[in-house]
Amino acid sequence: MTSTARIPKDGYALRLRNVSVTLGGVQILSNVTAQPAVGALNAIIGPNGAGKTTLLRAILGLVPYTGTIQIGQTVEGEPLRLGYVPQRLDFDRGMPISVLDFMCAGLQRRPVWLGHSRTARSVAAKYLAQVGGSGWEHKSLGRLSGGELQRVLLAMALSHEPDILLLDEPVSGVDVAGEELFCDLLGSLQQEGRYTMLLVSHDLSIVTQHAQYVICLNQTVQCQGDAVTTLTAENLRALYRQDVSLYEHTGTHEGHAHKHHHGTGGQGHTGHGCPGPHSH
C-alpha cells in the first residue's frame, strides 16, 4: 500500500495551527498556520532567519512550541510516519564506519559491531539502489562526496518507509553534479506521489520546478498556496523585502530540453537550476 493510500481521502498528513517558538528569549516563529498538500512536494521558502529549519525541528518534536502540530493518521487510525533529511551530517570523517554500518545502525536493534542482520542488509541495499547508491555498502562514510552523503541520508530516511518526508536544504553545499542528481531523485519521488514532502530551500529554481505547494515563511506565514499562483514577483518581493524577478531560460540536461524559472536577488538563491521531472 502506498503512503497516500494509507491516508483517508478526506484526511490530512500534517496540520499546523498557531505554532510559535521562542528560544533563548527570542521569538523565532509566530502563529504559523498551514496544511501542506497530501502526496505532494511542499516547499518552505523565506529569507535567512525566517525560522524554516526551526519549523521542521518543531514538527519533529526537537524544540518546544506553543500551538498545535497534528500528524495525520492512516486509514487504520495509526499515526503517519516521519522521515528527515538534514542539511548535513556532522561526524568525524576519520571514523572507520562504512555506509552499511551507518544504514544498519538505524535498521536493527543489535549494535552494528556485532554484525549486520540479513534483513537490515537487504533493506539497506534496496534503498541505496533507489538513490543511485548500489554497491556503496562497503564505502567509507567519511570518504563520500557531499552529494553522495546526502543521498545516503535520503536512503536512510526512505528506509523507514515514511509517509511524511522533511528535507532541510538537502543540497546546500553540494556541488553542481551532486545537486542535479539529488534533484532528479526529488523529481522521481514527486512523480511517485507516495510521500507528503516538506522541502526547505533557498533555491527558487528548485522550488519552481518541483514544488506543487509553497509556504512563504518569515517568522509567520506570509502567504501560501499552489506554486503557480503563489510564486509571483509581488509575493516574493514582499517575502524577501527586495526586488525579486522570475525569468525563464531554456537549457538542456541529459538530452532533454527544459526551462528554468529563477528568482534573483538576496536570499532567493538561484544556484544553477536543476531539472524537473522529465515529462517535458
C-alpha atoms as a PDB file:
ATOM      1  CA  MET A   1       0.000   0.000   0.000  1.00  0.00           C
ATOM      2  CA  THR A   2       1.441   3.392  -0.963  1.00  0.00           C
ATOM      3  CA  SER A   3       1.781   6.191   1.577  1.00  0.00           C
ATOM      4  CA  THR A   4      -1.001   8.304   0.067  1.00  0.00           C
ATOM      5  CA  ALA A   5      -3.294   5.262   0.025  1.00  0.00           C
ATOM      6  CA  ARG A   6      -2.643   4.939   3.766  1.00  0.00           C
ATOM      7  CA  ILE A   7      -4.274   8.347   4.348  1.00  0.00           C
ATOM      8  CA  PRO A   8      -8.097   8.641   4.276  1.00  0.00           C
ATOM      9  CA  LYS A   9      -9.389  10.518   1.218  1.00  0.00           C
ATOM     10  CA  ASP A  10     -10.639  13.399   3.355  1.00  0.00           C
ATOM     11  CA  GLY A  11      -7.649  13.209   5.712  1.00  0.00           C
ATOM     12  CA  TYR A  12      -4.506  15.282   6.065  1.00  0.00           C
ATOM     13  CA  ALA A  13      -0.832  14.491   6.503  1.00  0.00           C
ATOM     14  CA  LEU A  14       0.166  17.453   8.652  1.00  0.00           C
ATOM     15  CA  ARG A  15      -1.734  20.350  10.157  1.00  0.00           C
ATOM     16  CA  LEU A  16      -0.145  23.351  11.876  1.00  0.00           C
ATOM     17  CA  ARG A  17      -2.250  25.757  13.909  1.00  0.00           C
ATOM     18  CA  ASN A  18      -0.826  28.916  15.521  1.00  0.00           C
ATOM     19  CA  VAL A  19       2.601  27.354  16.075  1.00  0.00           C
ATOM     20  CA  SER A  20       5.021  29.667  17.876  1.00  0.00           C
ATOM     21  CA  VAL A  21       8.593  29.033  19.013  1.00  0.00           C
ATOM     22  CA  THR A  22      10.674  31.152  21.387  1.00  0.00           C
ATOM     23  CA  LEU A  23      14.286  30.156  22.039  1.00  0.00           C
ATOM     24  CA  GLY A  24      16.597  31.974  24.438  1.00  0.00           C
ATOM     25  CA  GLY A  25      14.036  34.735  24.840  1.00  0.00           C
ATOM     26  CA  VAL A  26      13.898  35.356  21.070  1.00  0.00           C
ATOM     27  CA  GLN A  27      10.730  34.609  19.144  1.00  0.00           C
ATOM     28  CA  ILE A  28      11.614  32.539  16.083  1.00  0.00           C
ATOM     29  CA  LEU A  29       8.123  31.594  14.877  1.00  0.00           C
ATOM     30  CA  SER A  30       4.815  33.342  15.479  1.00  0.00           C
ATOM     31  CA  ASN A  31       1.378  31.815  14.915  1.00  0.00           C
ATOM     32  CA  VAL A  32       2.328  29.630  11.962  1.00  0.00           C
ATOM     33  CA  THR A  33      -0.767  28.045  10.424  1.00  0.00           C
ATOM     34  CA  ALA A  34      -0.505  25.763   7.406  1.00  0.00           C
ATOM     35  CA  GLN A  35      -1.736  22.465   5.997  1.00  0.00           C
ATOM     36  CA  PRO A  36       0.650  21.011   3.379  1.00  0.00           C
ATOM     37  CA  ALA A  37      -0.834  19.277   0.354  1.00  0.00           C
ATOM     38  CA  VAL A  38      -1.062  15.490   0.731  1.00  0.00           C
ATOM     39  CA  GLY A  39       1.150  13.416  -1.561  1.00  0.00           C
ATOM     40  CA  ALA A  40       2.895  16.485  -2.991  1.00  0.00           C
ATOM     41  CA  LEU A  41       6.178  18.342  -2.656  1.00  0.00           C
ATOM     42  CA  ASN A  42       5.559  21.337  -0.412  1.00  0.00           C
ATOM     43  CA  ALA A  43       8.306  23.970  -0.376  1.00  0.00           C
ATOM     44  CA  ILE A  44       9.012  26.239   2.572  1.00  0.00           C
ATOM     45  CA  ILE A  45      10.817  29.369   1.415  1.00  0.00           C
ATOM     46  CA  GLY A  46      11.918  32.597   3.087  1.00  0.00           C
ATOM     47  CA  PRO A  47      14.960  34.697   3.979  1.00  0.00           C
ATOM     48  CA  ASN A  48      17.715  33.693   6.390  1.00  0.00           C
ATOM     49  CA  GLY A  49      16.441  33.747   9.957  1.00  0.00           C
ATOM     50  CA  ALA A  50      12.847  33.176   8.860  1.00  0.00           C
ATOM     51  CA  GLY A  51      12.517  30.091  11.071  1.00  0.00           C
ATOM     52  CA  LYS A  52      12.318  27.454   8.332  1.00  0.00           C
ATOM     53  CA  THR A  53      14.634  24.932   9.990  1.00  0.00           C
ATOM     54  CA  THR A  54      13.084  25.673  13.379  1.00  0.00           C
ATOM     55  CA  LEU A  55       9.668  24.804  11.951  1.00  0.00           C
ATOM     56  CA  LEU A  56      10.926  21.389  10.822  1.00  0.00           C
ATOM     57  CA  ARG A  57      12.503  20.850  14.243  1.00  0.00           C
ATOM     58  CA  ALA A  58       9.197  21.714  15.901  1.00  0.00           C
ATOM     59  CA  ILE A  59       7.384  19.185  13.689  1.00  0.00           C
ATOM     60  CA  LEU A  60       9.964  16.592  14.740  1.00  0.00           C
ATOM     61  CA  GLY A  61       9.430  17.487  18.395  1.00  0.00           C
ATOM     62  CA  LEU A  62      13.010  18.694  18.844  1.00  0.00           C
ATOM     63  CA  VAL A  63      12.159  22.187  20.117  1.00  0.00           C
ATOM     64  CA  PRO A  64       9.399  23.366  22.464  1.00  0.00           C
ATOM     65  CA  TYR A  65       6.485  25.195  20.866  1.00  0.00           C
ATOM     66  CA  THR A  66       3.016  26.501  21.579  1.00  0.00           C
ATOM     67  CA  GLY A  67       0.039  25.952  19.316  1.00  0.00           C
ATOM     68  CA  THR A  68      -0.891  22.677  17.674  1.00  0.00           C
ATOM     69  CA  ILE A  69       1.008  20.330  15.367  1.00  0.00           C
ATOM     70  CA  GLN A  70      -1.190  17.455  14.256  1.00  0.00           C
ATOM     71  CA  ILE A  71       0.254  14.463  12.450  1.00  0.00           C
ATOM     72  CA  GLY A  72      -2.358  12.716  10.331  1.00  0.00           C
ATOM     73  CA  GLN A  73      -3.477   9.135  10.681  1.00  0.00           C
ATOM     74  CA  THR A  74      -3.658   6.126   8.404  1.00  0.00           C
ATOM     75  CA  VAL A  75      -6.950   4.540   7.412  1.00  0.00           C
ATOM     76  CA  GLU A  76      -6.306   2.115  10.293  1.00  0.00           C
ATOM     77  CA  GLY A  77      -6.048   5.030  12.762  1.00  0.00           C
ATOM     78  CA  GLU A  78      -2.276   4.826  13.237  1.00  0.00           C
ATOM     79  CA  PRO A  79      -0.136   7.991  13.216  1.00  0.00           C
ATOM     80  CA  LEU A  80       1.727   8.692   9.990  1.00  0.00           C
ATOM     81  CA  ARG A  81       5.480   8.104   9.996  1.00  0.00           C
ATOM     82  CA  LEU A  82       8.022  10.905   9.636  1.00  0.00           C
ATOM     83  CA  GLY A  83      11.329  10.827   7.759  1.00  0.00           C
ATOM     84  CA  TYR A  84      14.011  13.522   7.933  1.00  0.00           C
ATOM     85  CA  VAL A  85      16.959  14.544   5.743  1.00  0.00           C
ATOM     86  CA  PRO A  86      19.135  17.206   7.442  1.00  0.00           C
ATOM     87  CA  GLN A  87      21.281  19.854   5.751  1.00  0.00           C
ATOM     88  CA  ARG A  88      24.379  17.906   6.670  1.00  0.00           C
ATOM     89  CA  LEU A  89      25.664  15.164   8.923  1.00  0.00           C
ATOM     90  CA  ASP A  90      28.273  16.312  11.420  1.00  0.00           C
ATOM     91  CA  PHE A  91      30.632  13.458  12.263  1.00  0.00           C
ATOM     92  CA  ASP A  92      34.317  12.584  12.400  1.00  0.00           C
ATOM     93  CA  ARG A  93      35.147  11.685   8.805  1.00  0.00           C
ATOM     94  CA  GLY A  94      38.110   9.670  10.033  1.00  0.00           C
ATOM     95  CA  MET A  95      35.876   7.198  11.845  1.00  0.00           C
ATOM     96  CA  PRO A  96      36.093   3.641  10.455  1.00  0.00           C
ATOM     97  CA  ILE A  97      32.398   3.388   9.623  1.00  0.00           C
ATOM     98  CA  SER A  98      31.019   2.099   6.342  1.00  0.00           C
ATOM     99  CA  VAL A  99      27.821   3.119   4.585  1.00  0.00           C
ATOM    100  CA  LEU A 100      26.363  -0.265   5.546  1.00  0.00           C
ATOM    101  CA  ASP A 101      27.305   0.279   9.213  1.00  0.00           C
ATOM    102  CA  PHE A 102      25.525   3.636   9.131  1.00  0.00           C
ATOM    103  CA  MET A 103      22.405   2.289   7.454  1.00  0.00           C
ATOM    104  CA  CYS A 104      22.168  -0.792   9.661  1.00  0.00           C
ATOM    105  CA  ALA A 105      22.579   1.265  12.832  1.00  0.00           C
ATOM    106  CA  GLY A 106      19.117   2.642  12.152  1.00  0.00           C
ATOM    107  CA  LEU A 107      17.605  -0.602  10.905  1.00  0.00           C
ATOM    108  CA  GLN A 108      18.462  -3.171  13.587  1.00  0.00           C
ATOM    109  CA  ARG A 109      18.412  -3.367  17.343  1.00  0.00           C
ATOM    110  CA  ARG A 110      21.742  -5.062  17.930  1.00  0.00           C
ATOM    111  CA  PRO A 111      24.929  -2.954  17.737  1.00  0.00           C
ATOM    112  CA  VAL A 112      26.480  -2.993  14.277  1.00  0.00           C
ATOM    113  CA  TRP A 113      29.842  -4.118  15.687  1.00  0.00           C
ATOM    114  CA  LEU A 114      28.128  -7.431  16.440  1.00  0.00           C
ATOM    115  CA  GLY A 115      27.285  -7.797  12.762  1.00  0.00           C
ATOM    116  CA  HIS A 116      24.611  -6.785  10.279  1.00  0.00           C
ATOM    117  CA  SER A 117      21.335  -8.646  10.252  1.00  0.00           C
ATOM    118  CA  ARG A 118      20.224 -10.168   6.959  1.00  0.00           C
ATOM    119  CA  THR A 119      17.061  -8.073   6.977  1.00  0.00           C
ATOM    120  CA  ALA A 120      18.946  -4.828   7.627  1.00  0.00           C
ATOM    121  CA  ARG A 121      21.433  -5.594   4.836  1.00  0.00           C
ATOM    122  CA  SER A 122      18.592  -6.265   2.418  1.00  0.00           C
ATOM    123  CA  VAL A 123      16.695  -3.084   3.307  1.00  0.00           C
ATOM    124  CA  ALA A 124      19.895  -1.005   3.132  1.00  0.00           C
ATOM    125  CA  ALA A 125      20.714  -2.364  -0.333  1.00  0.00           C
ATOM    126  CA  LYS A 126      17.173  -1.700  -1.567  1.00  0.00           C
ATOM    127  CA  TYR A 127      17.096   1.952  -0.585  1.00  0.00           C
ATOM    128  CA  LEU A 128      20.691   2.676  -1.530  1.00  0.00           C
ATOM    129  CA  ALA A 129      19.794   1.380  -5.000  1.00  0.00           C
ATOM    130  CA  GLN A 130      16.764   3.689  -5.060  1.00  0.00           C
ATOM    131  CA  VAL A 131      19.024   6.745  -4.593  1.00  0.00           C
ATOM    132  CA  GLY A 132      21.638   5.538  -7.083  1.00  0.00           C
ATOM    133  CA  GLY A 133      23.983   4.112  -4.479  1.00  0.00           C
ATOM    134  CA  SER A 134      24.126   0.440  -5.477  1.00  0.00           C
ATOM    135  CA  GLY A 135      27.381  -1.101  -4.314  1.00  0.00           C
ATOM    136  CA  TRP A 136      28.134   1.637  -1.804  1.00  0.00           C
ATOM    137  CA  GLU A 137      27.661  -0.606   1.236  1.00  0.00           C
ATOM    138  CA  HIS A 138      31.370  -1.041   1.930  1.00  0.00           C
ATOM    139  CA  LYS A 139      32.416   2.510   1.082  1.00  0.00           C
ATOM    140  CA  SER A 140      33.773   4.591   3.941  1.00  0.00           C
ATOM    141  CA  LEU A 141      31.112   7.071   5.045  1.00  0.00           C
ATOM    142  CA  GLY A 142      33.778   9.708   5.604  1.00  0.00           C
ATOM    143  CA  ARG A 143      35.077   9.460   2.045  1.00  0.00           C
ATOM    144  CA  LEU A 144      31.768  10.149   0.333  1.00  0.00           C
ATOM    145  CA  SER A 145      31.315  13.422  -1.503  1.00  0.00           C
ATOM    146  CA  GLY A 146      28.758  15.889  -0.170  1.00  0.00           C
ATOM    147  CA  GLY A 147      26.212  14.815  -2.766  1.00  0.00           C
ATOM    148  CA  GLU A 148      26.786  11.109  -2.111  1.00  0.00           C
ATOM    149  CA  LEU A 149      26.376  11.614   1.632  1.00  0.00           C
ATOM    150  CA  GLN A 150      23.080  13.439   1.134  1.00  0.00           C
ATOM    151  CA  ARG A 151      21.824  10.557  -0.985  1.00  0.00           C
ATOM    152  CA  VAL A 152      22.773   8.125   1.792  1.00  0.00           C
ATOM    153  CA  LEU A 153      20.841  10.303   4.263  1.00  0.00           C
ATOM    154  CA  LEU A 154      17.871  10.197   1.895  1.00  0.00           C
ATOM    155  CA  ALA A 155      18.183   6.407   1.635  1.00  0.00           C
ATOM    156  CA  MET A 156      18.222   6.191   5.434  1.00  0.00           C
ATOM    157  CA  ALA A 157      15.079   8.331   5.676  1.00  0.00           C
ATOM    158  CA  LEU A 158      13.268   6.303   2.987  1.00  0.00           C
ATOM    159  CA  SER A 159      14.268   3.002   4.603  1.00  0.00           C
ATOM    160  CA  HIS A 160      11.858   3.692   7.456  1.00  0.00           C
ATOM    161  CA  GLU A 161       9.009   3.964   4.917  1.00  0.00           C
ATOM    162  CA  PRO A 162       7.816   7.409   5.975  1.00  0.00           C
ATOM    163  CA  ASP A 163       4.529   8.972   4.962  1.00  0.00           C
ATOM    164  CA  ILE A 164       5.863  12.498   5.536  1.00  0.00           C
ATOM    165  CA  LEU A 165       9.391  13.373   4.396  1.00  0.00           C
ATOM    166  CA  LEU A 166      11.068  16.504   5.791  1.00  0.00           C
ATOM    167  CA  LEU A 167      14.058  17.808   3.809  1.00  0.00           C
ATOM    168  CA  ASP A 168      16.087  20.691   5.258  1.00  0.00           C
ATOM    169  CA  GLU A 169      18.041  22.277   2.398  1.00  0.00           C
ATOM    170  CA  PRO A 170      19.366  18.858   1.326  1.00  0.00           C
ATOM    171  CA  VAL A 171      21.570  20.228  -1.476  1.00  0.00           C
ATOM    172  CA  SER A 172      23.095  23.109   0.477  1.00  0.00           C
ATOM    173  CA  GLY A 173      26.854  22.992  -0.063  1.00  0.00           C
ATOM    174  CA  VAL A 174      26.617  20.170  -2.615  1.00  0.00           C
ATOM    175  CA  ASP A 175      28.450  20.548  -5.923  1.00  0.00           C
ATOM    176  CA  VAL A 176      26.606  21.053  -9.210  1.00  0.00           C
ATOM    177  CA  ALA A 177      26.697  17.398 -10.282  1.00  0.00           C
ATOM    178  CA  GLY A 178      25.524  16.227  -6.854  1.00  0.00           C
ATOM    179  CA  GLU A 179      22.733  18.795  -6.816  1.00  0.00           C
ATOM    180  CA  GLU A 180      21.457  17.679 -10.213  1.00  0.00           C
ATOM    181  CA  LEU A 181      21.408  14.033  -9.125  1.00  0.00           C
ATOM    182  CA  PHE A 182      19.542  14.886  -5.938  1.00  0.00           C
ATOM    183  CA  CYS A 183      17.066  16.986  -7.900  1.00  0.00           C
ATOM    184  CA  ASP A 184      16.453  14.043 -10.228  1.00  0.00           C
ATOM    185  CA  LEU A 185      15.668  11.934  -7.152  1.00  0.00           C
ATOM    186  CA  LEU A 186      13.248  14.585  -5.895  1.00  0.00           C
ATOM    187  CA  GLY A 187      11.583  14.522  -9.298  1.00  0.00           C
ATOM    188  CA  SER A 188      11.209  10.751  -9.143  1.00  0.00           C
ATOM    189  CA  LEU A 189       9.763  10.860  -5.624  1.00  0.00           C
ATOM    190  CA  GLN A 190       7.402  13.624  -6.704  1.00  0.00           C
ATOM    191  CA  GLN A 191       6.142  11.599  -9.649  1.00  0.00           C
ATOM    192  CA  GLU A 192       5.521   8.573  -7.418  1.00  0.00           C
ATOM    193  CA  GLY A 193       3.216  10.693  -5.260  1.00  0.00           C
ATOM    194  CA  ARG A 194       3.856   8.355  -2.344  1.00  0.00           C
ATOM    195  CA  TYR A 195       5.182  10.931   0.088  1.00  0.00           C
ATOM    196  CA  THR A 196       3.991  14.219   1.510  1.00  0.00           C
ATOM    197  CA  MET A 197       7.260  16.159   1.304  1.00  0.00           C
ATOM    198  CA  LEU A 198       8.247  19.391   3.050  1.00  0.00           C
ATOM    199  CA  LEU A 199      11.331  20.885   1.419  1.00  0.00           C
ATOM    200  CA  VAL A 200      13.154  23.863   2.915  1.00  0.00           C
ATOM    201  CA  SER A 201      15.115  25.559   0.149  1.00  0.00           C
ATOM    202  CA  HIS A 202      16.758  28.871  -0.699  1.00  0.00           C
ATOM    203  CA  ASP A 203      16.995  27.847  -4.350  1.00  0.00           C
ATOM    204  CA  LEU A 204      13.946  29.199  -6.156  1.00  0.00           C
ATOM    205  CA  SER A 205      14.847  27.310  -9.324  1.00  0.00           C
ATOM    206  CA  ILE A 206      14.383  24.019  -7.451  1.00  0.00           C
ATOM    207  CA  VAL A 207      11.161  25.250  -5.884  1.00  0.00           C
ATOM    208  CA  THR A 208       9.591  26.481  -9.122  1.00  0.00           C
ATOM    209  CA  GLN A 209      10.353  23.231 -10.918  1.00  0.00           C
ATOM    210  CA  HIS A 210       9.455  20.690  -8.242  1.00  0.00           C
ATOM    211  CA  ALA A 211       7.004  22.136  -5.708  1.00  0.00           C
ATOM    212  CA  GLN A 212       3.257  21.888  -6.115  1.00  0.00           C
ATOM    213  CA  TYR A 213       2.519  23.853  -2.928  1.00  0.00           C
ATOM    214  CA  VAL A 214       4.536  26.692  -1.410  1.00  0.00           C
ATOM    215  CA  ILE A 215       4.606  28.125   2.106  1.00  0.00           C
ATOM    216  CA  CYS A 216       6.236  31.588   2.285  1.00  0.00           C
ATOM    217  CA  LEU A 217       7.632  31.954   5.788  1.00  0.00           C
ATOM    218  CA  ASN A 218       9.211  34.872   7.622  1.00  0.00           C
ATOM    219  CA  GLN A 219       8.594  34.093  11.284  1.00  0.00           C
ATOM    220  CA  THR A 220       4.937  33.742  10.339  1.00  0.00           C
ATOM    221  CA  VAL A 221       3.254  32.599   7.126  1.00  0.00           C
ATOM    222  CA  GLN A 222       3.265  35.500   4.672  1.00  0.00           C
ATOM    223  CA  CYS A 223       1.354  33.592   2.009  1.00  0.00           C
ATOM    224  CA  GLN A 224       0.780  30.025   0.855  1.00  0.00           C
ATOM    225  CA  GLY A 225      -0.889  28.136  -1.928  1.00  0.00           C
ATOM    226  CA  ASP A 226      -0.216  26.255  -5.145  1.00  0.00           C
ATOM    227  CA  ALA A 227       3.160  27.106  -6.640  1.00  0.00           C
ATOM    228  CA  VAL A 228       1.891  28.691  -9.858  1.00  0.00           C
ATOM    229  CA  THR A 229      -0.263  31.315  -8.146  1.00  0.00           C
ATOM    230  CA  THR A 230       1.936  31.838  -5.063  1.00  0.00           C
ATOM    231  CA  LEU A 231       5.367  32.311  -6.627  1.00  0.00           C
ATOM    232  CA  THR A 232       4.652  35.758  -8.031  1.00  0.00           C
ATOM    233  CA  ALA A 233       7.149  38.603  -8.157  1.00  0.00           C
ATOM    234  CA  GLU A 234       4.896  40.584  -5.816  1.00  0.00           C
ATOM    235  CA  ASN A 235       4.766  37.838  -3.179  1.00  0.00           C
ATOM    236  CA  LEU A 236       8.495  37.150  -3.404  1.00  0.00           C
ATOM    237  CA  ARG A 237       9.327  40.845  -3.167  1.00  0.00           C
ATOM    238  CA  ALA A 238       7.212  41.121  -0.032  1.00  0.00           C
ATOM    239  CA  LEU A 239       8.788  37.981   1.413  1.00  0.00           C
ATOM    240  CA  TYR A 240      12.416  38.929   0.778  1.00  0.00           C
ATOM    241  CA  ARG A 241      11.789  42.681   1.000  1.00  0.00           C
ATOM    242  CA  GLN A 242      13.768  43.419  -2.121  1.00  0.00           C
ATOM    243  CA  ASP A 243      13.410  43.200  -5.876  1.00  0.00           C
ATOM    244  CA  VAL A 244      12.772  39.646  -6.984  1.00  0.00           C
ATOM    245  CA  SER A 245      12.042  38.772 -10.599  1.00  0.00           C
ATOM    246  CA  LEU A 246      11.178  35.477 -12.220  1.00  0.00           C
ATOM    247  CA  TYR A 247      12.508  34.698 -15.623  1.00  0.00           C
ATOM    248  CA  GLU A 248      12.900  31.738 -17.912  1.00  0.00           C
ATOM    249  CA  HIS A 249      15.677  30.336 -19.985  1.00  0.00           C
ATOM    250  CA  THR A 250      15.865  27.192 -21.983  1.00  0.00           C
ATOM    251  CA  GLY A 251      18.616  24.706 -21.249  1.00  0.00           C
ATOM    252  CA  THR A 252      19.355  21.044 -21.673  1.00  0.00           C
ATOM    253  CA  HIS A 253      20.090  18.193 -19.321  1.00  0.00           C
ATOM    254  CA  GLU A 254      20.902  14.687 -20.432  1.00  0.00           C
ATOM    255  CA  GLY A 255      19.420  15.391 -23.853  1.00  0.00           C
ATOM    256  CA  HIS A 256      16.184  16.901 -22.516  1.00  0.00           C
ATOM    257  CA  ALA A 257      15.199  20.495 -23.135  1.00  0.00           C
ATOM    258  CA  HIS A 258      13.775  22.210 -20.086  1.00  0.00           C
ATOM    259  CA  LYS A 259      13.029  25.639 -18.693  1.00  0.00           C
ATOM    260  CA  HIS A 260      14.348  27.182 -15.503  1.00  0.00           C
ATOM    261  CA  HIS A 261      12.456  29.789 -13.517  1.00  0.00           C
ATOM    262  CA  HIS A 262      14.885  31.755 -11.378  1.00  0.00           C
ATOM    263  CA  GLY A 263      14.466  34.197  -8.560  1.00  0.00           C
ATOM    264  CA  THR A 264      17.118  36.903  -8.439  1.00  0.00           C
ATOM    265  CA  GLY A 265      18.440  38.798  -5.518  1.00  0.00           C
ATOM    266  CA  GLY A 266      19.433  38.073  -1.938  1.00  0.00           C
ATOM    267  CA  GLN A 267      18.167  35.034  -0.134  1.00  0.00           C
ATOM    268  CA  GLY A 268      16.263  33.736  -3.130  1.00  0.00           C
ATOM    269  CA  HIS A 269      19.385  31.924  -4.292  1.00  0.00           C
ATOM    270  CA  THR A 270      19.019  30.511  -7.761  1.00  0.00           C
ATOM    271  CA  GLY A 271      22.022  28.222  -7.960  1.00  0.00           C
ATOM    272  CA  HIS A 272      22.473  26.792 -11.428  1.00  0.00           C
ATOM    273  CA  GLY A 273      18.978  25.394 -11.733  1.00  0.00           C
ATOM    274  CA  CYS A 274      18.210  21.738 -11.882  1.00  0.00           C
ATOM    275  CA  PRO A 275      15.946  19.618 -13.991  1.00  0.00           C
ATOM    276  CA  GLY A 276      12.375  18.983 -13.094  1.00  0.00           C
ATOM    277  CA  PRO A 277      10.719  15.636 -13.752  1.00  0.00           C
ATOM    278  CA  HIS A 278      11.498  14.540 -17.304  1.00  0.00           C
ATOM    279  CA  SER A 279       7.985  14.966 -18.590  1.00  0.00           C
ATOM    280  CA  HIS A 280       8.771  17.811 -20.977  1.00  0.00           C
END
